[in-house]
Structures are given as structure tokens and as C-alpha cells.
PDB file of N, CA and C in Angstrom:
ATOM      1  N   MET A   1     -14.975  -2.225 -49.037  1.00  0.00           N
ATOM      2  CA  MET A   1     -16.199  -1.409 -49.368  1.00  0.00           C
ATOM      3  C   MET A   1     -15.705   0.220 -49.953  1.00  0.00           C
ATOM      4  N   LYS A   2     -16.482   0.597 -50.976  1.00  0.00           N
ATOM      5  CA  LYS A   2     -16.791   2.214 -51.361  1.00  0.00           C
ATOM      6  C   LYS A   2     -17.364   2.865 -51.438  1.00  0.00           C
ATOM      7  N   ILE A   3     -17.131   3.879 -50.344  1.00  0.00           N
ATOM      8  CA  ILE A   3     -18.175   5.358 -49.778  1.00  0.00           C
ATOM      9  C   ILE A   3     -17.963   6.587 -50.818  1.00  0.00           C
ATOM     10  N   ARG A   4     -18.971   7.115 -50.826  1.00  0.00           N
ATOM     11  CA  ARG A   4     -18.397   7.986 -51.605  1.00  0.00           C
ATOM     12  C   ARG A   4     -19.615   9.185 -50.784  1.00  0.00           C
ATOM     13  N   PRO A   5     -19.104  10.247 -50.533  1.00  0.00           N
ATOM     14  CA  PRO A   5     -19.635  11.293 -49.795  1.00  0.00           C
ATOM     15  C   PRO A   5     -20.554  12.310 -50.525  1.00  0.00           C
ATOM     16  N   LEU A   6     -21.351  12.239 -50.075  1.00  0.00           N
ATOM     17  CA  LEU A   6     -22.363  13.703 -50.825  1.00  0.00           C
ATOM     18  C   LEU A   6     -22.141  15.068 -50.576  1.00  0.00           C
ATOM     19  N   GLY A   7     -22.114  15.725 -51.390  1.00  0.00           N
ATOM     20  CA  GLY A   7     -22.254  17.022 -51.086  1.00  0.00           C
ATOM     21  C   GLY A   7     -21.287  17.609 -50.990  1.00  0.00           C
ATOM     22  N   GLU A   8     -20.815  18.402 -49.867  1.00  0.00           N
ATOM     23  CA  GLU A   8     -19.484  19.169 -49.469  1.00  0.00           C
ATOM     24  C   GLU A   8     -18.907  17.961 -48.740  1.00  0.00           C
ATOM     25  N   LYS A   9     -19.013  16.731 -47.881  1.00  0.00           N
ATOM     26  CA  LYS A   9     -18.483  16.392 -46.846  1.00  0.00           C
ATOM     27  C   LYS A   9     -17.355  15.357 -47.397  1.00  0.00           C
ATOM     28  N   VAL A  10     -16.630  15.162 -46.611  1.00  0.00           N
ATOM     29  CA  VAL A  10     -15.179  14.751 -47.291  1.00  0.00           C
ATOM     30  C   VAL A  10     -15.047  13.356 -46.260  1.00  0.00           C
ATOM     31  N   LEU A  11     -14.676  12.152 -46.680  1.00  0.00           N
ATOM     32  CA  LEU A  11     -13.689  10.885 -46.216  1.00  0.00           C
ATOM     33  C   LEU A  11     -12.636  10.974 -45.742  1.00  0.00           C
ATOM     34  N   VAL A  12     -12.476  10.956 -44.561  1.00  0.00           N
ATOM     35  CA  VAL A  12     -10.806  11.393 -44.216  1.00  0.00           C
ATOM     36  C   VAL A  12     -10.375   9.652 -43.169  1.00  0.00           C
ATOM     37  N   ARG A  13      -9.416   9.460 -43.173  1.00  0.00           N
ATOM     38  CA  ARG A  13      -9.170   7.884 -43.000  1.00  0.00           C
ATOM     39  C   ARG A  13      -7.968   8.175 -41.912  1.00  0.00           C
ATOM     40  N   ILE A  14      -8.153   8.423 -40.259  1.00  0.00           N
ATOM     41  CA  ILE A  14      -7.605   8.817 -39.506  1.00  0.00           C
ATOM     42  C   ILE A  14      -6.289   8.543 -38.951  1.00  0.00           C
ATOM     43  N   LEU A  15      -5.145   9.136 -39.585  1.00  0.00           N
ATOM     44  CA  LEU A  15      -4.064   8.561 -38.975  1.00  0.00           C
ATOM     45  C   LEU A  15      -3.509   8.085 -37.537  1.00  0.00           C
ATOM     46  N   GLU A  16      -2.644   6.948 -37.527  1.00  0.00           N
ATOM     47  CA  GLU A  16      -2.745   6.463 -36.265  1.00  0.00           C
ATOM     48  C   GLU A  16      -1.833   7.092 -35.363  1.00  0.00           C
ATOM     49  N   SER A  17      -2.528   7.599 -34.058  1.00  0.00           N
ATOM     50  CA  SER A  17      -1.173   7.947 -33.105  1.00  0.00           C
ATOM     51  C   SER A  17      -0.226   7.312 -32.603  1.00  0.00           C
ATOM     52  N   GLU A  18       1.070   7.782 -32.296  1.00  0.00           N
ATOM     53  CA  GLU A  18       2.525   7.380 -32.065  1.00  0.00           C
ATOM     54  C   GLU A  18       1.771   6.225 -30.880  1.00  0.00           C
ATOM     55  N   GLU A  19       2.709   5.479 -31.150  1.00  0.00           N
ATOM     56  CA  GLU A  19       2.946   4.478 -30.135  1.00  0.00           C
ATOM     57  C   GLU A  19       3.680   4.435 -28.714  1.00  0.00           C
ATOM     58  N   LYS A  20       5.066   5.527 -29.366  1.00  0.00           N
ATOM     59  CA  LYS A  20       6.362   5.837 -28.498  1.00  0.00           C
ATOM     60  C   LYS A  20       5.773   7.010 -28.127  1.00  0.00           C
ATOM     61  N   THR A  21       6.814   7.904 -27.492  1.00  0.00           N
ATOM     62  CA  THR A  21       6.955   9.550 -26.398  1.00  0.00           C
ATOM     63  C   THR A  21       8.249   9.917 -27.801  1.00  0.00           C
ATOM     64  N   LYS A  22       8.575  10.806 -27.495  1.00  0.00           N
ATOM     65  CA  LYS A  22       9.627  11.277 -28.179  1.00  0.00           C
ATOM     66  C   LYS A  22      10.753  10.805 -27.172  1.00  0.00           C
ATOM     67  N   GLY A  23      10.968  10.476 -26.065  1.00  0.00           N
ATOM     68  CA  GLY A  23      11.680   9.882 -24.906  1.00  0.00           C
ATOM     69  C   GLY A  23      12.289   8.408 -25.120  1.00  0.00           C
ATOM     70  N   GLY A  24      11.117   7.794 -26.000  1.00  0.00           N
ATOM     71  CA  GLY A  24      10.806   6.213 -26.102  1.00  0.00           C
ATOM     72  C   GLY A  24      10.027   5.521 -25.082  1.00  0.00           C
ATOM     73  N   ILE A  25       9.084   6.190 -24.332  1.00  0.00           N
ATOM     74  CA  ILE A  25       8.409   5.869 -23.411  1.00  0.00           C
ATOM     75  C   ILE A  25       6.939   4.578 -24.578  1.00  0.00           C
ATOM     76  N   ILE A  26       6.515   3.705 -24.204  1.00  0.00           N
ATOM     77  CA  ILE A  26       5.458   3.042 -25.344  1.00  0.00           C
ATOM     78  C   ILE A  26       4.222   3.596 -24.435  1.00  0.00           C
ATOM     79  N   LEU A  27       3.233   4.210 -24.796  1.00  0.00           N
ATOM     80  CA  LEU A  27       1.941   4.759 -24.563  1.00  0.00           C
ATOM     81  C   LEU A  27       1.023   3.300 -24.502  1.00  0.00           C
ATOM     82  N   PRO A  28       0.184   3.140 -23.644  1.00  0.00           N
ATOM     83  CA  PRO A  28      -0.663   1.837 -23.561  1.00  0.00           C
ATOM     84  C   PRO A  28      -1.668   2.507 -24.750  1.00  0.00           C
ATOM     85  N   ASP A  29      -2.772   1.797 -25.330  1.00  0.00           N
ATOM     86  CA  ASP A  29      -3.659   2.518 -25.886  1.00  0.00           C
ATOM     87  C   ASP A  29      -5.018   3.478 -25.051  1.00  0.00           C
ATOM     88  N   THR A  30      -5.365   3.368 -23.869  1.00  0.00           N
ATOM     89  CA  THR A  30      -6.049   4.110 -23.248  1.00  0.00           C
ATOM     90  C   THR A  30      -5.244   5.752 -23.050  1.00  0.00           C
ATOM     91  N   ALA A  31      -4.109   5.458 -22.780  1.00  0.00           N
ATOM     92  CA  ALA A  31      -3.504   7.059 -22.683  1.00  0.00           C
ATOM     93  C   ALA A  31      -3.010   7.657 -24.131  1.00  0.00           C
ATOM     94  N   LYS A  32      -3.135   6.948 -25.409  1.00  0.00           N
ATOM     95  CA  LYS A  32      -3.225   7.757 -26.796  1.00  0.00           C
ATOM     96  C   LYS A  32      -4.511   8.731 -26.897  1.00  0.00           C
ATOM     97  N   GLU A  33      -3.866   9.750 -27.356  1.00  0.00           N
ATOM     98  CA  GLU A  33      -5.287  10.900 -27.930  1.00  0.00           C
ATOM     99  C   GLU A  33      -5.251  10.939 -29.446  1.00  0.00           C
ATOM    100  N   GLU A  34      -6.741  10.703 -29.515  1.00  0.00           N
ATOM    101  CA  GLU A  34      -7.224  10.307 -30.924  1.00  0.00           C
ATOM    102  C   GLU A  34      -6.354  11.503 -31.964  1.00  0.00           C
ATOM    103  N   LYS A  35      -6.042  11.449 -32.898  1.00  0.00           N
ATOM    104  CA  LYS A  35      -5.132  12.230 -33.824  1.00  0.00           C
ATOM    105  C   LYS A  35      -6.301  13.144 -34.392  1.00  0.00           C
ATOM    106  N   ALA A  36      -6.263  14.249 -34.983  1.00  0.00           N
ATOM    107  CA  ALA A  36      -6.602  15.111 -35.475  1.00  0.00           C
ATOM    108  C   ALA A  36      -5.952  15.235 -36.823  1.00  0.00           C
ATOM    109  N   GLU A  37      -5.221  14.715 -37.314  1.00  0.00           N
ATOM    110  CA  GLU A  37      -4.763  14.577 -38.811  1.00  0.00           C
ATOM    111  C   GLU A  37      -5.361  12.941 -39.398  1.00  0.00           C
ATOM    112  N   GLY A  38      -5.522  13.348 -40.559  1.00  0.00           N
ATOM    113  CA  GLY A  38      -5.979  11.931 -41.352  1.00  0.00           C
ATOM    114  C   GLY A  38      -5.385  12.469 -42.884  1.00  0.00           C
ATOM    115  N   GLN A  39      -6.096  10.913 -44.066  1.00  0.00           N
ATOM    116  CA  GLN A  39      -5.615  11.577 -45.136  1.00  0.00           C
ATOM    117  C   GLN A  39      -6.903  11.835 -45.810  1.00  0.00           C
ATOM    118  N   VAL A  40      -7.140  12.423 -46.712  1.00  0.00           N
ATOM    119  CA  VAL A  40      -8.182  12.026 -47.900  1.00  0.00           C
ATOM    120  C   VAL A  40      -8.565  11.062 -48.597  1.00  0.00           C
ATOM    121  N   VAL A  41      -9.830  10.519 -49.028  1.00  0.00           N
ATOM    122  CA  VAL A  41      -9.896   9.077 -49.011  1.00  0.00           C
ATOM    123  C   VAL A  41     -10.751   8.988 -50.483  1.00  0.00           C
ATOM    124  N   ALA A  42     -11.687  10.370 -50.591  1.00  0.00           N
ATOM    125  CA  ALA A  42     -13.255  10.413 -51.020  1.00  0.00           C
ATOM    126  C   ALA A  42     -13.574  11.880 -50.598  1.00  0.00           C
ATOM    127  N   VAL A  43     -13.733  13.022 -51.563  1.00  0.00           N
ATOM    128  CA  VAL A  43     -14.575  13.722 -51.523  1.00  0.00           C
ATOM    129  C   VAL A  43     -15.888  13.563 -52.670  1.00  0.00           C
ATOM    130  N   GLY A  44     -17.355  14.891 -51.800  1.00  0.00           N
ATOM    131  CA  GLY A  44     -18.118  14.546 -52.361  1.00  0.00           C
ATOM    132  C   GLY A  44     -17.892  15.789 -53.672  1.00  0.00           C
ATOM    133  N   ALA A  45     -19.386  15.700 -54.768  1.00  0.00           N
ATOM    134  CA  ALA A  45     -19.219  16.409 -55.650  1.00  0.00           C
ATOM    135  C   ALA A  45     -19.218  17.979 -55.498  1.00  0.00           C
ATOM    136  N   GLY A  46     -19.495  18.467 -54.476  1.00  0.00           N
ATOM    137  CA  GLY A  46     -19.299  20.025 -54.134  1.00  0.00           C
ATOM    138  C   GLY A  46     -20.377  20.642 -53.538  1.00  0.00           C
ATOM    139  N   LYS A  47     -20.172  21.939 -52.717  1.00  0.00           N
ATOM    140  CA  LYS A  47     -20.545  23.245 -52.145  1.00  0.00           C
ATOM    141  C   LYS A  47     -21.789  23.325 -53.158  1.00  0.00           C
ATOM    142  N   LYS A  48     -23.341  23.222 -53.127  1.00  0.00           N
ATOM    143  CA  LYS A  48     -24.530  23.629 -53.567  1.00  0.00           C
ATOM    144  C   LYS A  48     -24.539  25.435 -53.506  1.00  0.00           C
ATOM    145  N   LEU A  49     -24.062  26.291 -54.672  1.00  0.00           N
ATOM    146  CA  LEU A  49     -24.418  27.404 -54.129  1.00  0.00           C
ATOM    147  C   LEU A  49     -25.670  27.840 -54.035  1.00  0.00           C
ATOM    148  N   ASP A  50     -26.194  29.143 -53.635  1.00  0.00           N
ATOM    149  CA  ASP A  50     -27.636  29.710 -53.710  1.00  0.00           C
ATOM    150  C   ASP A  50     -27.501  30.147 -55.684  1.00  0.00           C
ATOM    151  N   SER A  51     -26.759  30.089 -56.315  1.00  0.00           N
ATOM    152  CA  SER A  51     -27.326  30.183 -57.886  1.00  0.00           C
ATOM    153  C   SER A  51     -27.726  28.809 -58.664  1.00  0.00           C
ATOM    154  N   GLY A  52     -27.132  27.567 -57.688  1.00  0.00           N
ATOM    155  CA  GLY A  52     -27.806  26.232 -58.240  1.00  0.00           C
ATOM    156  C   GLY A  52     -26.489  25.812 -58.628  1.00  0.00           C
ATOM    157  N   LYS A  53     -25.267  26.394 -58.932  1.00  0.00           N
ATOM    158  CA  LYS A  53     -23.937  25.738 -58.905  1.00  0.00           C
ATOM    159  C   LYS A  53     -23.575  25.481 -58.268  1.00  0.00           C
ATOM    160  N   LEU A  54     -22.482  24.175 -58.955  1.00  0.00           N
ATOM    161  CA  LEU A  54     -21.948  23.192 -57.634  1.00  0.00           C
ATOM    162  C   LEU A  54     -20.300  23.566 -57.890  1.00  0.00           C
ATOM    163  N   GLN A  55     -19.722  24.133 -56.270  1.00  0.00           N
ATOM    164  CA  GLN A  55     -18.570  24.695 -56.517  1.00  0.00           C
ATOM    165  C   GLN A  55     -17.668  23.606 -55.639  1.00  0.00           C
ATOM    166  N   PRO A  56     -16.827  23.088 -56.905  1.00  0.00           N
ATOM    167  CA  PRO A  56     -15.837  22.278 -56.181  1.00  0.00           C
ATOM    168  C   PRO A  56     -14.624  22.190 -55.152  1.00  0.00           C
ATOM    169  N   LEU A  57     -14.526  21.117 -54.348  1.00  0.00           N
ATOM    170  CA  LEU A  57     -13.885  21.058 -53.226  1.00  0.00           C
ATOM    171  C   LEU A  57     -12.719  21.729 -53.628  1.00  0.00           C
ATOM    172  N   GLU A  58     -12.090  21.780 -51.845  1.00  0.00           N
ATOM    173  CA  GLU A  58     -10.565  22.895 -52.190  1.00  0.00           C
ATOM    174  C   GLU A  58      -9.382  21.477 -52.418  1.00  0.00           C
ATOM    175  N   VAL A  59     -10.083  20.497 -51.178  1.00  0.00           N
ATOM    176  CA  VAL A  59      -9.267  19.468 -51.003  1.00  0.00           C
ATOM    177  C   VAL A  59      -9.839  18.157 -52.129  1.00  0.00           C
ATOM    178  N   LYS A  60      -8.728  17.207 -52.446  1.00  0.00           N
ATOM    179  CA  LYS A  60      -9.067  16.434 -52.735  1.00  0.00           C
ATOM    180  C   LYS A  60      -8.095  15.080 -52.451  1.00  0.00           C
ATOM    181  N   LYS A  61      -8.463  13.970 -53.348  1.00  0.00           N
ATOM    182  CA  LYS A  61      -8.269  12.338 -52.609  1.00  0.00           C
ATOM    183  C   LYS A  61      -6.596  12.669 -52.487  1.00  0.00           C
ATOM    184  N   GLY A  62      -5.982  12.014 -51.373  1.00  0.00           N
ATOM    185  CA  GLY A  62      -4.672  11.822 -51.391  1.00  0.00           C
ATOM    186  C   GLY A  62      -4.001  13.191 -50.366  1.00  0.00           C
ATOM    187  N   ASP A  63      -4.789  14.036 -50.275  1.00  0.00           N
ATOM    188  CA  ASP A  63      -4.233  15.245 -49.104  1.00  0.00           C
ATOM    189  C   ASP A  63      -4.085  15.009 -47.787  1.00  0.00           C
ATOM    190  N   LYS A  64      -3.401  15.481 -47.238  1.00  0.00           N
ATOM    191  CA  LYS A  64      -3.019  14.983 -45.796  1.00  0.00           C
ATOM    192  C   LYS A  64      -3.477  16.148 -45.477  1.00  0.00           C
ATOM    193  N   VAL A  65      -4.356  16.031 -44.499  1.00  0.00           N
ATOM    194  CA  VAL A  65      -5.481  17.225 -43.594  1.00  0.00           C
ATOM    195  C   VAL A  65      -5.270  17.335 -41.904  1.00  0.00           C
ATOM    196  N   ILE A  66      -5.276  19.019 -41.358  1.00  0.00           N
ATOM    197  CA  ILE A  66      -5.922  18.562 -40.267  1.00  0.00           C
ATOM    198  C   ILE A  66      -7.707  19.427 -39.807  1.00  0.00           C
ATOM    199  N   PHE A  67      -7.938  18.473 -39.139  1.00  0.00           N
ATOM    200  CA  PHE A  67      -9.351  18.983 -38.796  1.00  0.00           C
ATOM    201  C   PHE A  67      -9.601  18.913 -37.058  1.00  0.00           C
ATOM    202  N   GLY A  68     -10.436  19.434 -36.851  1.00  0.00           N
ATOM    203  CA  GLY A  68     -11.081  19.888 -35.451  1.00  0.00           C
ATOM    204  C   GLY A  68     -11.407  18.475 -34.884  1.00  0.00           C
ATOM    205  N   LYS A  69     -10.511  18.429 -33.390  1.00  0.00           N
ATOM    206  CA  LYS A  69     -10.693  17.161 -32.593  1.00  0.00           C
ATOM    207  C   LYS A  69     -12.330  16.426 -32.739  1.00  0.00           C
ATOM    208  N   TYR A  70     -13.134  17.086 -32.810  1.00  0.00           N
ATOM    209  CA  TYR A  70     -14.227  16.871 -32.389  1.00  0.00           C
ATOM    210  C   TYR A  70     -15.430  17.244 -33.556  1.00  0.00           C
ATOM    211  N   ALA A  71     -14.860  17.154 -34.808  1.00  0.00           N
ATOM    212  CA  ALA A  71     -15.621  17.694 -36.375  1.00  0.00           C
ATOM    213  C   ALA A  71     -15.752  15.924 -36.922  1.00  0.00           C
ATOM    214  N   GLY A  72     -16.791  16.109 -37.465  1.00  0.00           N
ATOM    215  CA  GLY A  72     -17.354  15.054 -38.067  1.00  0.00           C
ATOM    216  C   GLY A  72     -17.936  13.585 -37.284  1.00  0.00           C
ATOM    217  N   ASP A  73     -17.959  13.159 -37.843  1.00  0.00           N
ATOM    218  CA  ASP A  73     -18.619  11.415 -37.344  1.00  0.00           C
ATOM    219  C   ASP A  73     -17.914  10.466 -37.981  1.00  0.00           C
ATOM    220  N   GLU A  74     -17.204   9.861 -36.545  1.00  0.00           N
ATOM    221  CA  GLU A  74     -16.473   8.484 -36.811  1.00  0.00           C
ATOM    222  C   GLU A  74     -16.892   7.452 -37.573  1.00  0.00           C
ATOM    223  N   VAL A  75     -16.710   6.528 -38.232  1.00  0.00           N
ATOM    224  CA  VAL A  75     -17.261   5.542 -39.182  1.00  0.00           C
ATOM    225  C   VAL A  75     -16.037   4.354 -39.197  1.00  0.00           C
ATOM    226  N   THR A  76     -16.191   2.881 -39.097  1.00  0.00           N
ATOM    227  CA  THR A  76     -14.951   2.549 -39.468  1.00  0.00           C
ATOM    228  C   THR A  76     -15.425   1.804 -41.083  1.00  0.00           C
ATOM    229  N   ILE A  77     -14.431   1.374 -41.294  1.00  0.00           N
ATOM    230  CA  ILE A  77     -14.408   0.799 -42.724  1.00  0.00           C
ATOM    231  C   ILE A  77     -13.220  -0.160 -43.118  1.00  0.00           C
ATOM    232  N   ASP A  78     -13.972  -1.598 -43.174  1.00  0.00           N
ATOM    233  CA  ASP A  78     -12.144  -2.032 -43.593  1.00  0.00           C
ATOM    234  C   ASP A  78     -11.779  -2.687 -41.938  1.00  0.00           C
ATOM    235  N   GLY A  79     -12.175  -1.815 -40.928  1.00  0.00           N
ATOM    236  CA  GLY A  79     -11.156  -2.304 -39.689  1.00  0.00           C
ATOM    237  C   GLY A  79     -10.523  -0.716 -39.711  1.00  0.00           C
ATOM    238  N   ASP A  80     -10.568   0.222 -40.093  1.00  0.00           N
ATOM    239  CA  ASP A  80     -10.013   1.048 -40.110  1.00  0.00           C
ATOM    240  C   ASP A  80     -10.816   2.682 -39.810  1.00  0.00           C
ATOM    241  N   LYS A  81     -10.243   3.831 -38.545  1.00  0.00           N
ATOM    242  CA  LYS A  81     -11.498   4.581 -38.606  1.00  0.00           C
ATOM    243  C   LYS A  81     -11.095   5.317 -38.976  1.00  0.00           C
ATOM    244  N   HIS A  82     -12.646   6.146 -40.148  1.00  0.00           N
ATOM    245  CA  HIS A  82     -12.632   7.345 -41.261  1.00  0.00           C
ATOM    246  C   HIS A  82     -13.463   8.642 -39.542  1.00  0.00           C
ATOM    247  N   LYS A  83     -13.519   9.588 -40.678  1.00  0.00           N
ATOM    248  CA  LYS A  83     -14.378  10.503 -39.687  1.00  0.00           C
ATOM    249  C   LYS A  83     -14.280  11.336 -41.749  1.00  0.00           C
ATOM    250  N   ILE A  84     -16.376  11.167 -41.356  1.00  0.00           N
ATOM    251  CA  ILE A  84     -17.103  11.983 -42.286  1.00  0.00           C
ATOM    252  C   ILE A  84     -16.606  13.146 -42.012  1.00  0.00           C
ATOM    253  N   ILE A  85     -16.597  14.802 -42.721  1.00  0.00           N
ATOM    254  CA  ILE A  85     -17.035  15.891 -42.327  1.00  0.00           C
ATOM    255  C   ILE A  85     -16.370  16.964 -43.235  1.00  0.00           C
ATOM    256  N   LYS A  86     -17.683  17.865 -42.899  1.00  0.00           N
ATOM    257  CA  LYS A  86     -17.904  18.887 -43.811  1.00  0.00           C
ATOM    258  C   LYS A  86     -16.374  19.444 -44.521  1.00  0.00           C
ATOM    259  N   GLU A  87     -16.561  20.277 -45.521  1.00  0.00           N
ATOM    260  CA  GLU A  87     -14.881  20.930 -46.134  1.00  0.00           C
ATOM    261  C   GLU A  87     -14.484  21.853 -44.896  1.00  0.00           C
ATOM    262  N   GLU A  88     -15.338  22.888 -44.592  1.00  0.00           N
ATOM    263  CA  GLU A  88     -15.239  23.681 -43.733  1.00  0.00           C
ATOM    264  C   GLU A  88     -15.020  23.175 -42.008  1.00  0.00           C
ATOM    265  N   GLU A  89     -14.901  21.991 -42.068  1.00  0.00           N
ATOM    266  CA  GLU A  89     -14.232  22.049 -40.633  1.00  0.00           C
ATOM    267  C   GLU A  89     -12.979  21.537 -40.963  1.00  0.00           C
ATOM    268  N   ILE A  90     -12.202  21.293 -41.879  1.00  0.00           N
ATOM    269  CA  ILE A  90     -11.167  21.111 -42.364  1.00  0.00           C
ATOM    270  C   ILE A  90     -10.085  22.319 -41.976  1.00  0.00           C
ATOM    271  N   LEU A  91      -9.425  22.548 -41.178  1.00  0.00           N
ATOM    272  CA  LEU A  91      -8.532  23.400 -40.924  1.00  0.00           C
ATOM    273  C   LEU A  91      -7.284  23.691 -41.716  1.00  0.00           C
ATOM    274  N   ALA A  92      -6.117  23.030 -42.306  1.00  0.00           N
ATOM    275  CA  ALA A  92      -5.430  22.998 -42.865  1.00  0.00           C
ATOM    276  C   ALA A  92      -5.122  21.475 -43.626  1.00  0.00           C
ATOM    277  N   ILE A  93      -4.307  22.007 -44.891  1.00  0.00           N
ATOM    278  CA  ILE A  93      -3.634  21.100 -45.398  1.00  0.00           C
ATOM    279  C   ILE A  93      -2.254  21.007 -45.828  1.00  0.00           C
ATOM    280  N   PHE A  94      -1.471  19.922 -45.553  1.00  0.00           N
ATOM    281  CA  PHE A  94      -0.378  20.115 -45.367  1.00  0.00           C
ATOM    282  C   PHE A  94       0.541  19.911 -46.970  1.00  0.00           C
ATOM    283  N   GLU A  95       1.612  19.979 -46.818  1.00  0.00           N
ATOM    284  CA  GLU A  95       1.886  20.401 -48.618  1.00  0.00           C
ATOM    285  C   GLU A  95       3.158  20.185 -48.195  1.00  0.00           C
TER     286      GLU A  95
END
């Protein structure tokens, strides 16, 4: 399924939580925290400025990003968890 976010929205695939702790303890699904990291799958056209021009987004497809824990709306696409969030809710890009 193909999804294209509108405006300044970004579609991010949530990265899976670790199955084990650093000490080797296996975590059950109920103990895992939802990750606030993901990979950008698609981006919207950009932010519309007061002048009517479009400002392109800083993030691009393939970027690994950190976003706020409660940012955006969660959707499931082809069995994978994704979030649709505003670019301004993205806190950082991994380099």
C-alpha cells in the first residue's frame, strides 16, 4: 500500500524495541516501551508559507529520526507500525 502524507506531514516506520536488555534478559511484549525512533518512509510536499510558496521539508525518505513519544497518529500499514507526524515534532535526525 502506498501512502503520501500531505503538507508538512511525514510518514515514519517505528523501529522495533529491543527483545533483550543489555544484560541478556528477554523482555515480554508488555514490558517493552514504544520506541520514539523511526525511519522516514514518505514526506509531504512541504510547509505552505504566508507568501503562498512551499518550503520543502528538511527530512527526506530514508532518514532515521527521533520524535516525541506522544507525537502524531499511529497507523498500521502492511502489518508494520507507522506514525504520521508533523515535521516540527521530529526532534533530531541520525547522521
